[in-house]
Amino acid sequence: MFIPSEKHKGYGKAFVSFYEEYARRQGCRELRMDTNVMNVRARAMYQKPGYEERGVIPCVFNGIPDCSWCVLKSICDQAERNYSLHAVPP
């Protein structure tokens, strides 16, 4: 949810940090975030800590047709994330 008067206050980054820490404590190895394709600001925010865009899912959202969601994925373990981001394919 986005409230224009609350932008640039760090709530998005705080949510991502909370979500990642919670997932680590639960033993999750990967995380998935979805955001509206048109939400360029959120997509950029998720990419900064290493989330990769994996695809677009067309859907109907809250009765609104022709919505598309961008699927982003990240690895929880920082060591695995560093390896995955810098690994050279064989």
PDB file of N, CA and C in Angstrom:
ATOM      1  N   MET A   1       0.840  -1.167   0.000  1.00  0.00           N
ATOM      2  CA  MET A   1       0.000   0.000   0.000  1.00  0.00           C
ATOM      3  C   MET A   1       0.888   1.233   0.000  1.00  0.00           C
ATOM      4  N   PHE A   2       0.478   2.215  -0.730  1.00  0.00           N
ATOM      5  CA  PHE A   2       1.271   3.435  -0.886  1.00  0.00           C
ATOM      6  C   PHE A   2       0.436   4.637  -0.475  1.00  0.00           C
ATOM      7  N   ILE A   3       0.952   5.438   0.442  1.00  0.00           N
ATOM      8  CA  ILE A   3       0.291   6.667   0.876  1.00  0.00           C
ATOM      9  C   ILE A   3       1.219   7.824   0.478  1.00  0.00           C
ATOM     10  N   PRO A   4       0.802   8.635  -0.498  1.00  0.00           N
ATOM     11  CA  PRO A   4       1.694   9.675  -1.017  1.00  0.00           C
ATOM     12  C   PRO A   4       2.347  10.547   0.054  1.00  0.00           C
ATOM     13  N   SER A   5       1.632  10.917   1.100  1.00  0.00           N
ATOM     14  CA  SER A   5       2.208  11.796   2.119  1.00  0.00           C
ATOM     15  C   SER A   5       3.281  11.106   2.960  1.00  0.00           C
ATOM     16  N   GLU A   6       3.386   9.788   2.847  1.00  0.00           N
ATOM     17  CA  GLU A   6       4.340   9.029   3.647  1.00  0.00           C
ATOM     18  C   GLU A   6       5.565   8.561   2.858  1.00  0.00           C
ATOM     19  N   LYS A   7       5.697   8.980   1.605  1.00  0.00           N
ATOM     20  CA  LYS A   7       6.831   8.520   0.811  1.00  0.00           C
ATOM     21  C   LYS A   7       8.133   9.143   1.297  1.00  0.00           C
ATOM     22  N   HIS A   8       9.222   8.462   1.024  1.00  0.00           N
ATOM     23  CA  HIS A   8      10.581   8.889   1.391  1.00  0.00           C
ATOM     24  C   HIS A   8      10.811   8.918   2.903  1.00  0.00           C
ATOM     25  N   LYS A   9      10.079   8.080   3.640  1.00  0.00           N
ATOM     26  CA  LYS A   9      10.279   8.016   5.092  1.00  0.00           C
ATOM     27  C   LYS A   9      10.922   6.701   5.515  1.00  0.00           C
ATOM     28  N   GLY A  10      11.261   5.848   4.540  1.00  0.00           N
ATOM     29  CA  GLY A  10      11.965   4.615   4.857  1.00  0.00           C
ATOM     30  C   GLY A  10      11.087   3.435   5.211  1.00  0.00           C
ATOM     31  N   TYR A  11       9.774   3.568   5.049  1.00  0.00           N
ATOM     32  CA  TYR A  11       8.879   2.465   5.409  1.00  0.00           C
ATOM     33  C   TYR A  11       9.085   1.244   4.503  1.00  0.00           C
ATOM     34  N   GLY A  12       9.304   1.473   3.233  1.00  0.00           N
ATOM     35  CA  GLY A  12       9.523   0.360   2.309  1.00  0.00           C
ATOM     36  C   GLY A  12      10.778  -0.421   2.656  1.00  0.00           C
ATOM     37  N   LYS A  13      11.861   0.293   2.897  1.00  0.00           N
ATOM     38  CA  LYS A  13      13.119  -0.367   3.271  1.00  0.00           C
ATOM     39  C   LYS A  13      12.978  -1.092   4.596  1.00  0.00           C
ATOM     40  N   ALA A  14      12.258  -0.503   5.542  1.00  0.00           N
ATOM     41  CA  ALA A  14      12.047  -1.145   6.840  1.00  0.00           C
ATOM     42  C   ALA A  14      11.245  -2.432   6.666  1.00  0.00           C
ATOM     43  N   PHE A  15      10.237  -2.405   5.784  1.00  0.00           N
ATOM     44  CA  PHE A  15       9.449  -3.608   5.526  1.00  0.00           C
ATOM     45  C   PHE A  15      10.315  -4.708   4.937  1.00  0.00           C
ATOM     46  N   VAL A  16      11.147  -4.366   3.955  1.00  0.00           N
ATOM     47  CA  VAL A  16      12.016  -5.365   3.322  1.00  0.00           C
ATOM     48  C   VAL A  16      12.972  -5.956   4.362  1.00  0.00           C
ATOM     49  N   SER A  17      13.559  -5.115   5.199  1.00  0.00           N
ATOM     50  CA  SER A  17      14.478  -5.601   6.238  1.00  0.00           C
ATOM     51  C   SER A  17      13.763  -6.532   7.204  1.00  0.00           C
ATOM     52  N   PHE A  18      12.565  -6.148   7.638  1.00  0.00           N
ATOM     53  CA  PHE A  18      11.785  -6.997   8.544  1.00  0.00           C
ATOM     54  C   PHE A  18      11.469  -8.342   7.892  1.00  0.00           C
ATOM     55  N   TYR A  19      11.014  -8.292   6.644  1.00  0.00           N
ATOM     56  CA  TYR A  19      10.632  -9.494   5.897  1.00  0.00           C
ATOM     57  C   TYR A  19      11.829 -10.430   5.750  1.00  0.00           C
ATOM     58  N   GLU A  20      12.981  -9.887   5.404  1.00  0.00           N
ATOM     59  CA  GLU A  20      14.182 -10.712   5.232  1.00  0.00           C
ATOM     60  C   GLU A  20      14.625 -11.342   6.555  1.00  0.00           C
ATOM     61  N   GLU A  21      14.627 -10.562   7.627  1.00  0.00           N
ATOM     62  CA  GLU A  21      15.052 -11.098   8.926  1.00  0.00           C
ATOM     63  C   GLU A  21      14.079 -12.163   9.414  1.00  0.00           C
ATOM     64  N   TYR A  22      12.801 -11.919   9.265  1.00  0.00           N
ATOM     65  CA  TYR A  22      11.790 -12.904   9.651  1.00  0.00           C
ATOM     66  C   TYR A  22      11.983 -14.201   8.863  1.00  0.00           C
ATOM     67  N   ALA A  23      12.210 -14.073   7.570  1.00  0.00           N
ATOM     68  CA  ALA A  23      12.400 -15.256   6.720  1.00  0.00           C
ATOM     69  C   ALA A  23      13.642 -16.040   7.142  1.00  0.00           C
ATOM     70  N   ARG A  24      14.731 -15.337   7.446  1.00  0.00           N
ATOM     71  CA  ARG A  24      15.952 -16.016   7.905  1.00  0.00           C
ATOM     72  C   ARG A  24      15.687 -16.817   9.177  1.00  0.00           C
ATOM     73  N   ARG A  25      14.992 -16.184  10.133  1.00  0.00           N
ATOM     74  CA  ARG A  25      14.692 -16.875  11.399  1.00  0.00           C
ATOM     75  C   ARG A  25      13.807 -18.101  11.185  1.00  0.00           C
ATOM     76  N   GLN A  26      13.004 -18.072  10.141  1.00  0.00           N
ATOM     77  CA  GLN A  26      12.131 -19.203   9.835  1.00  0.00           C
ATOM     78  C   GLN A  26      12.835 -20.272   8.988  1.00  0.00           C
ATOM     79  N   GLY A  27      14.074 -20.010   8.609  1.00  0.00           N
ATOM     80  CA  GLY A  27      14.843 -20.973   7.827  1.00  0.00           C
ATOM     81  C   GLY A  27      14.589 -20.918   6.331  1.00  0.00           C
ATOM     82  N   CYS A  28      13.982 -19.843   5.861  1.00  0.00           N
ATOM     83  CA  CYS A  28      13.717 -19.713   4.423  1.00  0.00           C
ATOM     84  C   CYS A  28      15.024 -19.462   3.679  1.00  0.00           C
ATOM     85  N   ARG A  29      15.146 -20.063   2.536  1.00  0.00           N
ATOM     86  CA  ARG A  29      16.347 -19.864   1.707  1.00  0.00           C
ATOM     87  C   ARG A  29      16.133 -18.820   0.630  1.00  0.00           C
ATOM     88  N   GLU A  30      14.888 -18.640   0.214  1.00  0.00           N
ATOM     89  CA  GLU A  30      14.585 -17.672  -0.835  1.00  0.00           C
ATOM     90  C   GLU A  30      13.338 -16.880  -0.459  1.00  0.00           C
ATOM     91  N   LEU A  31      13.251 -15.692  -1.011  1.00  0.00           N
ATOM     92  CA  LEU A  31      12.100 -14.825  -0.797  1.00  0.00           C
ATOM     93  C   LEU A  31      11.527 -14.403  -2.134  1.00  0.00           C
ATOM     94  N   ARG A  32      10.231 -14.144  -2.135  1.00  0.00           N
ATOM     95  CA  ARG A  32       9.567 -13.638  -3.333  1.00  0.00           C
ATOM     96  C   ARG A  32       8.758 -12.408  -2.950  1.00  0.00           C
ATOM     97  N   MET A  33       8.882 -11.378  -3.743  1.00  0.00           N
ATOM     98  CA  MET A  33       8.090 -10.162  -3.606  1.00  0.00           C
ATOM     99  C   MET A  33       7.362  -9.957  -4.927  1.00  0.00           C
ATOM    100  N   ASP A  34       6.157  -9.458  -4.847  1.00  0.00           N
ATOM    101  CA  ASP A  34       5.409  -9.096  -6.043  1.00  0.00           C
ATOM    102  C   ASP A  34       5.013  -7.627  -5.928  1.00  0.00           C
ATOM    103  N   THR A  35       5.067  -6.922  -7.036  1.00  0.00           N
ATOM    104  CA  THR A  35       4.618  -5.530  -7.055  1.00  0.00           C
ATOM    105  C   THR A  35       4.027  -5.238  -8.424  1.00  0.00           C
ATOM    106  N   ASN A  36       3.178  -4.252  -8.486  1.00  0.00           N
ATOM    107  CA  ASN A  36       2.567  -3.876  -9.753  1.00  0.00           C
ATOM    108  C   ASN A  36       3.659  -3.472 -10.735  1.00  0.00           C
ATOM    109  N   VAL A  37       3.545  -3.932 -11.959  1.00  0.00           N
ATOM    110  CA  VAL A  37       4.542  -3.640 -12.995  1.00  0.00           C
ATOM    111  C   VAL A  37       4.754  -2.133 -13.136  1.00  0.00           C
ATOM    112  N   MET A  38       3.703  -1.351 -12.969  1.00  0.00           N
ATOM    113  CA  MET A  38       3.821   0.099 -13.141  1.00  0.00           C
ATOM    114  C   MET A  38       4.486   0.779 -11.948  1.00  0.00           C
ATOM    115  N   ASN A  39       4.713   0.056 -10.845  1.00  0.00           N
ATOM    116  CA  ASN A  39       5.323   0.643  -9.659  1.00  0.00           C
ATOM    117  C   ASN A  39       6.845   0.598  -9.788  1.00  0.00           C
ATOM    118  N   VAL A  40       7.352   1.469 -10.620  1.00  0.00           N
ATOM    119  CA  VAL A  40       8.783   1.501 -10.938  1.00  0.00           C
ATOM    120  C   VAL A  40       9.623   1.794  -9.700  1.00  0.00           C
ATOM    121  N   ARG A  41       9.133   2.638  -8.826  1.00  0.00           N
ATOM    122  CA  ARG A  41       9.882   2.990  -7.610  1.00  0.00           C
ATOM    123  C   ARG A  41      10.076   1.762  -6.713  1.00  0.00           C
ATOM    124  N   ALA A  42       9.019   0.981  -6.506  1.00  0.00           N
ATOM    125  CA  ALA A  42       9.146  -0.228  -5.674  1.00  0.00           C
ATOM    126  C   ALA A  42      10.060  -1.248  -6.337  1.00  0.00           C
ATOM    127  N   ARG A  43       9.946  -1.403  -7.639  1.00  0.00           N
ATOM    128  CA  ARG A  43      10.811  -2.352  -8.342  1.00  0.00           C
ATOM    129  C   ARG A  43      12.274  -1.976  -8.164  1.00  0.00           C
ATOM    130  N   ALA A  44      12.590  -0.705  -8.258  1.00  0.00           N
ATOM    131  CA  ALA A  44      13.969  -0.246  -8.070  1.00  0.00           C
ATOM    132  C   ALA A  44      14.415  -0.466  -6.628  1.00  0.00           C
ATOM    133  N   MET A  45      13.511  -0.206  -5.670  1.00  0.00           N
ATOM    134  CA  MET A  45      13.860  -0.397  -4.264  1.00  0.00           C
ATOM    135  C   MET A  45      14.195  -1.862  -3.984  1.00  0.00           C
ATOM    136  N   TYR A  46      13.423  -2.793  -4.542  1.00  0.00           N
ATOM    137  CA  TYR A  46      13.675  -4.220  -4.322  1.00  0.00           C
ATOM    138  C   TYR A  46      14.971  -4.668  -4.995  1.00  0.00           C
ATOM    139  N   GLN A  47      15.315  -4.069  -6.112  1.00  0.00           N
ATOM    140  CA  GLN A  47      16.524  -4.473  -6.826  1.00  0.00           C
ATOM    141  C   GLN A  47      17.796  -4.042  -6.101  1.00  0.00           C
ATOM    142  N   LYS A  48      17.752  -2.936  -5.360  1.00  0.00           N
ATOM    143  CA  LYS A  48      18.956  -2.454  -4.665  1.00  0.00           C
ATOM    144  C   LYS A  48      19.555  -3.500  -3.730  1.00  0.00           C
ATOM    145  N   PRO A  49      18.762  -4.194  -2.893  1.00  0.00           N
ATOM    146  CA  PRO A  49      19.365  -5.210  -2.018  1.00  0.00           C
ATOM    147  C   PRO A  49      19.533  -6.574  -2.693  1.00  0.00           C
ATOM    148  N   GLY A  50      19.311  -6.646  -4.009  1.00  0.00           N
ATOM    149  CA  GLY A  50      19.614  -7.889  -4.707  1.00  0.00           C
ATOM    150  C   GLY A  50      18.449  -8.700  -5.213  1.00  0.00           C
ATOM    151  N   TYR A  51      17.231  -8.179  -5.130  1.00  0.00           N
ATOM    152  CA  TYR A  51      16.096  -8.915  -5.692  1.00  0.00           C
ATOM    153  C   TYR A  51      16.188  -8.862  -7.210  1.00  0.00           C
ATOM    154  N   GLU A  52      15.930  -9.998  -7.832  1.00  0.00           N
ATOM    155  CA  GLU A  52      15.988 -10.093  -9.291  1.00  0.00           C
ATOM    156  C   GLU A  52      14.580 -10.250  -9.839  1.00  0.00           C
ATOM    157  N   GLU A  53      14.276  -9.511 -10.899  1.00  0.00           N
ATOM    158  CA  GLU A  53      12.972  -9.659 -11.537  1.00  0.00           C
ATOM    159  C   GLU A  53      12.957 -10.980 -12.291  1.00  0.00           C
ATOM    160  N   ARG A  54      11.947 -11.795 -12.004  1.00  0.00           N
ATOM    161  CA  ARG A  54      11.872 -13.128 -12.591  1.00  0.00           C
ATOM    162  C   ARG A  54      10.764 -13.290 -13.607  1.00  0.00           C
ATOM    163  N   GLY A  55       9.851 -12.345 -13.690  1.00  0.00           N
ATOM    164  CA  GLY A  55       8.785 -12.463 -14.658  1.00  0.00           C
ATOM    165  C   GLY A  55       7.624 -11.553 -14.324  1.00  0.00           C
ATOM    166  N   VAL A  56       6.612 -11.595 -15.179  1.00  0.00           N
ATOM    167  CA  VAL A  56       5.409 -10.780 -15.018  1.00  0.00           C
ATOM    168  C   VAL A  56       4.208 -11.708 -15.076  1.00  0.00           C
ATOM    169  N   ILE A  57       3.288 -11.508 -14.141  1.00  0.00           N
ATOM    170  CA  ILE A  57       2.079 -12.329 -14.069  1.00  0.00           C
ATOM    171  C   ILE A  57       0.880 -11.430 -14.351  1.00  0.00           C
ATOM    172  N   PRO A  58       0.170 -11.658 -15.463  1.00  0.00           N
ATOM    173  CA  PRO A  58      -1.053 -10.881 -15.710  1.00  0.00           C
ATOM    174  C   PRO A  58      -2.158 -11.385 -14.780  1.00  0.00           C
ATOM    175  N   CYS A  59      -3.006 -10.475 -14.301  1.00  0.00           N
ATOM    176  CA  CYS A  59      -4.061 -10.895 -13.387  1.00  0.00           C
ATOM    177  C   CYS A  59      -5.164  -9.843 -13.306  1.00  0.00           C
ATOM    178  N   VAL A  60      -6.208 -10.200 -12.565  1.00  0.00           N
ATOM    179  CA  VAL A  60      -7.251  -9.260 -12.173  1.00  0.00           C
ATOM    180  C   VAL A  60      -7.022  -9.011 -10.692  1.00  0.00           C
ATOM    181  N   PHE A  61      -6.880  -7.753 -10.293  1.00  0.00           N
ATOM    182  CA  PHE A  61      -6.589  -7.421  -8.899  1.00  0.00           C
ATOM    183  C   PHE A  61      -7.705  -6.548  -8.345  1.00  0.00           C
ATOM    184  N   ASN A  62      -8.342  -7.022  -7.291  1.00  0.00           N
ATOM    185  CA  ASN A  62      -9.466  -6.300  -6.668  1.00  0.00           C
ATOM    186  C   ASN A  62     -10.504  -5.882  -7.700  1.00  0.00           C
ATOM    187  N   GLY A  63     -10.780  -6.774  -8.648  1.00  0.00           N
ATOM    188  CA  GLY A  63     -11.773  -6.511  -9.673  1.00  0.00           C
ATOM    189  C   GLY A  63     -11.290  -5.659 -10.826  1.00  0.00           C
ATOM    190  N   ILE A  64     -10.030  -5.236 -10.792  1.00  0.00           N
ATOM    191  CA  ILE A  64      -9.467  -4.406 -11.852  1.00  0.00           C
ATOM    192  C   ILE A  64      -8.799  -5.325 -12.863  1.00  0.00           C
ATOM    193  N   PRO A  65      -9.306  -5.355 -14.102  1.00  0.00           N
ATOM    194  CA  PRO A  65      -8.703  -6.232 -15.114  1.00  0.00           C
ATOM    195  C   PRO A  65      -7.379  -5.667 -15.623  1.00  0.00           C
ATOM    196  N   ASP A  66      -6.645  -6.527 -16.289  1.00  0.00           N
ATOM    197  CA  ASP A  66      -5.407  -6.138 -16.971  1.00  0.00           C
ATOM    198  C   ASP A  66      -4.331  -5.573 -16.041  1.00  0.00           C
ATOM    199  N   CYS A  67      -4.284  -6.072 -14.825  1.00  0.00           N
ATOM    200  CA  CYS A  67      -3.176  -5.720 -13.930  1.00  0.00           C
ATOM    201  C   CYS A  67      -2.052  -6.707 -14.197  1.00  0.00           C
ATOM    202  N   SER A  68      -0.847  -6.287 -14.003  1.00  0.00           N
ATOM    203  CA  SER A  68       0.296  -7.186 -14.140  1.00  0.00           C
ATOM    204  C   SER A  68       1.193  -7.012 -12.933  1.00  0.00           C
ATOM    205  N   TRP A  69       1.642  -8.136 -12.396  1.00  0.00           N
ATOM    206  CA  TRP A  69       2.525  -8.131 -11.235  1.00  0.00           C
ATOM    207  C   TRP A  69       3.909  -8.562 -11.645  1.00  0.00           C
ATOM    208  N   CYS A  70       4.897  -7.836 -11.188  1.00  0.00           N
ATOM    209  CA  CYS A  70       6.289  -8.194 -11.400  1.00  0.00           C
ATOM    210  C   CYS A  70       6.707  -9.083 -10.234  1.00  0.00           C
ATOM    211  N   VAL A  71       7.283 -10.233 -10.531  1.00  0.00           N
ATOM    212  CA  VAL A  71       7.745 -11.169  -9.513  1.00  0.00           C
ATOM    213  C   VAL A  71       9.237 -10.954  -9.317  1.00  0.00           C
ATOM    214  N   LEU A  72       9.637 -10.732  -8.060  1.00  0.00           N
ATOM    215  CA  LEU A  72      11.048 -10.529  -7.726  1.00  0.00           C
ATOM    216  C   LEU A  72      11.459 -11.598  -6.736  1.00  0.00           C
ATOM    217  N   LYS A  73      12.684 -12.088  -6.844  1.00  0.00           N
ATOM    218  CA  LYS A  73      13.170 -13.164  -5.993  1.00  0.00           C
ATOM    219  C   LYS A  73      14.529 -12.793  -5.423  1.00  0.00           C
ATOM    220  N   SER A  74      14.775 -13.237  -4.182  1.00  0.00           N
ATOM    221  CA  SER A  74      16.059 -12.998  -3.536  1.00  0.00           C
ATOM    222  C   SER A  74      16.450 -14.227  -2.730  1.00  0.00           C
ATOM    223  N   ILE A  75      17.748 -14.373  -2.509  1.00  0.00           N
ATOM    224  CA  ILE A  75      18.275 -15.445  -1.671  1.00  0.00           C
ATOM    225  C   ILE A  75      18.470 -14.876  -0.271  1.00  0.00           C
ATOM    226  N   CYS A  76      17.996 -15.587   0.769  1.00  0.00           N
ATOM    227  CA  CYS A  76      18.076 -15.087   2.152  1.00  0.00           C
ATOM    228  C   CYS A  76      19.488 -15.051   2.691  1.00  0.00           C
ATOM    229  N   ASP A  77      20.218 -16.127   2.510  1.00  0.00           N
ATOM    230  CA  ASP A  77      21.552 -16.235   3.090  1.00  0.00           C
ATOM    231  C   ASP A  77      22.509 -15.310   2.350  1.00  0.00           C
ATOM    232  N   GLN A  78      23.126 -14.365   3.062  1.00  0.00           N
ATOM    233  CA  GLN A  78      23.994 -13.370   2.415  1.00  0.00           C
ATOM    234  C   GLN A  78      25.162 -14.024   1.691  1.00  0.00           C
ATOM    235  N   ALA A  79      25.752 -15.063   2.278  1.00  0.00           N
ATOM    236  CA  ALA A  79      26.876 -15.736   1.621  1.00  0.00           C
ATOM    237  C   ALA A  79      26.415 -16.372   0.316  1.00  0.00           C
ATOM    238  N   GLU A  80      25.249 -17.025   0.348  1.00  0.00           N
ATOM    239  CA  GLU A  80      24.714 -17.622  -0.883  1.00  0.00           C
ATOM    240  C   GLU A  80      24.381 -16.541  -1.892  1.00  0.00           C
ATOM    241  N   ARG A  81      23.831 -15.417  -1.414  1.00  0.00           N
ATOM    242  CA  ARG A  81      23.467 -14.316  -2.310  1.00  0.00           C
ATOM    243  C   ARG A  81      24.708 -13.797  -3.015  1.00  0.00           C
ATOM    244  N   ASN A  82      25.788 -13.577  -2.259  1.00  0.00           N
ATOM    245  CA  ASN A  82      27.026 -13.083  -2.864  1.00  0.00           C
ATOM    246  C   ASN A  82      27.560 -14.067  -3.893  1.00  0.00           C
ATOM    247  N   TYR A  83      27.527 -15.364  -3.567  1.00  0.00           N
ATOM    248  CA  TYR A  83      27.998 -16.372  -4.506  1.00  0.00           C
ATOM    249  C   TYR A  83      27.123 -16.374  -5.753  1.00  0.00           C
ATOM    250  N   SER A  84      25.811 -16.355  -5.555  1.00  0.00           N
ATOM    251  CA  SER A  84      24.885 -16.425  -6.670  1.00  0.00           C
ATOM    252  C   SER A  84      25.035 -15.217  -7.591  1.00  0.00           C
ATOM    253  N   LEU A  85      25.214 -14.026  -7.002  1.00  0.00           N
ATOM    254  CA  LEU A  85      25.313 -12.825  -7.818  1.00  0.00           C
ATOM    255  C   LEU A  85      26.641 -12.721  -8.560  1.00  0.00           C
ATOM    256  N   HIS A  86      27.684 -13.379  -8.018  1.00  0.00           N
ATOM    257  CA  HIS A  86      29.004 -13.242  -8.614  1.00  0.00           C
ATOM    258  C   HIS A  86      29.512 -14.530  -9.257  1.00  0.00           C
ATOM    259  N   ALA A  87      28.729 -15.577  -9.206  1.00  0.00           N
ATOM    260  CA  ALA A  87      29.168 -16.861  -9.767  1.00  0.00           C
ATOM    261  C   ALA A  87      29.293 -16.764 -11.282  1.00  0.00           C
ATOM    262  N   VAL A  88      30.267 -17.408 -11.800  1.00  0.00           N
ATOM    263  CA  VAL A  88      30.467 -17.459 -13.247  1.00  0.00           C
ATOM    264  C   VAL A  88      29.966 -18.817 -13.726  1.00  0.00           C
ATOM    265  N   PRO A  89      29.040 -18.847 -14.680  1.00  0.00           N
ATOM    266  CA  PRO A  89      28.536 -20.138 -15.158  1.00  0.00           C
ATOM    267  C   PRO A  89      29.655 -20.961 -15.781  1.00  0.00           C
ATOM    268  N   PRO A  90      29.579 -22.304 -15.659  1.00  0.00           N
ATOM    269  CA  PRO A  90      30.631 -23.166 -16.237  1.00  0.00           C
ATOM    270  C   PRO A  90      30.680 -23.086 -17.745  1.00  0.00           C
TER     271      PRO A  90
END
